[in-house]
């Protein structure tokens, strides 16, 4: 299955993909792994506009044509 991907912030240096091809039943964590983005570098993930908490990334099953946004942690001062 194909899932759309948008990567933001400094994570663009790690991944510039616009989609990821996954096996049926793959979760958000599997998608991050397939994209080569280390989980510790991810701030927020949303799927179809809804935030996916870090604790739910291994449970959230993706579906064909889902849109996933991967954001770097917010920093500043």
Protein backbone atom coordinates (compact mmCIF):
# COMPACT_ATOMS: atom_id res chain seq x y z
CA UNK A 1 0.00 0.00 0.00
CA UNK A 2 1.12 3.58 -0.57
CA UNK A 3 0.94 6.27 2.12
CA UNK A 4 1.56 9.96 1.39
CA UNK A 5 4.30 11.60 3.44
CA UNK A 6 5.21 15.19 4.28
CA UNK A 7 8.34 15.74 6.38
CA UNK A 8 9.02 19.11 8.01
CA UNK A 9 11.81 20.93 9.80
CA UNK A 10 15.32 19.52 9.99
CA UNK A 11 13.93 16.04 9.26
CA UNK A 12 13.92 17.04 5.59
CA UNK A 13 17.68 16.46 5.72
CA UNK A 14 16.98 12.82 6.63
CA UNK A 15 14.05 12.17 4.33
CA UNK A 16 12.63 13.96 1.32
CA UNK A 17 10.15 11.24 0.33
CA UNK A 18 6.62 12.18 -0.70
CA UNK A 19 5.27 8.67 -0.12
CA UNK A 20 6.21 5.33 1.38
CA UNK A 21 5.21 1.84 0.21
CA UNK A 22 4.32 -0.47 3.09
CA UNK A 23 2.81 -3.89 3.67
CA UNK A 24 -0.89 -3.97 4.50
CA UNK A 25 -1.44 -3.52 8.24
CA UNK A 26 1.75 -1.50 8.76
CA UNK A 27 1.78 0.97 11.64
CA UNK A 28 3.15 4.50 11.97
CA UNK A 29 6.35 3.22 13.60
CA UNK A 30 6.92 0.90 10.62
CA UNK A 31 6.47 3.83 8.24
CA UNK A 32 9.00 5.92 10.17
CA UNK A 33 11.45 3.02 10.01
CA UNK A 34 10.91 2.59 6.29
CA UNK A 35 11.59 6.29 5.82
CA UNK A 36 14.81 6.05 7.83
CA UNK A 37 13.74 8.62 10.39
CA UNK A 38 14.99 7.84 13.92
CA UNK A 39 12.02 7.88 16.35
CA UNK A 40 13.98 10.03 18.82
CA UNK A 41 14.14 12.80 16.20
CA UNK A 42 10.37 12.91 15.64
CA UNK A 43 8.29 15.49 17.49
CA UNK A 44 4.77 15.00 16.15
CA UNK A 45 3.15 12.67 13.67
CA UNK A 46 -0.29 13.20 12.24
CA UNK A 47 -2.31 10.92 9.99
CA UNK A 48 -5.07 12.51 7.93
CA UNK A 49 -4.83 15.64 10.09
CA UNK A 50 -5.11 13.88 13.45
CA UNK A 51 -2.17 13.75 15.86
CA UNK A 52 -0.86 10.29 16.73
CA UNK A 53 0.64 10.26 20.25
CA UNK A 54 4.05 8.64 20.58
CA UNK A 55 2.54 5.87 22.72
CA UNK A 56 0.08 4.97 19.92
CA UNK A 57 2.48 4.92 16.95
CA UNK A 58 3.01 1.16 17.18
CA UNK A 59 -0.77 0.58 17.27
CA UNK A 60 -1.98 3.07 14.64
CA UNK A 61 -2.52 1.04 11.48
CA UNK A 62 -2.13 2.93 8.23
CA UNK A 63 -4.35 2.45 5.20
CA UNK A 64 -3.90 2.96 1.47
CA UNK A 65 -3.88 6.67 0.57
CA UNK A 66 -3.48 7.91 4.17
CA UNK A 67 -1.53 11.14 4.48
CA UNK A 68 1.13 11.23 7.18
CA UNK A 69 2.94 14.39 8.34
CA UNK A 70 6.16 13.96 10.31
CA UNK A 71 7.37 17.01 12.24
CA UNK A 72 10.61 17.67 14.04
CA UNK A 73 10.40 18.59 17.73
CA UNK A 74 9.71 22.25 18.31
CA UNK A 75 12.60 24.12 19.85
CA UNK A 76 13.30 27.70 20.57
CA UNK A 77 13.71 30.19 23.26
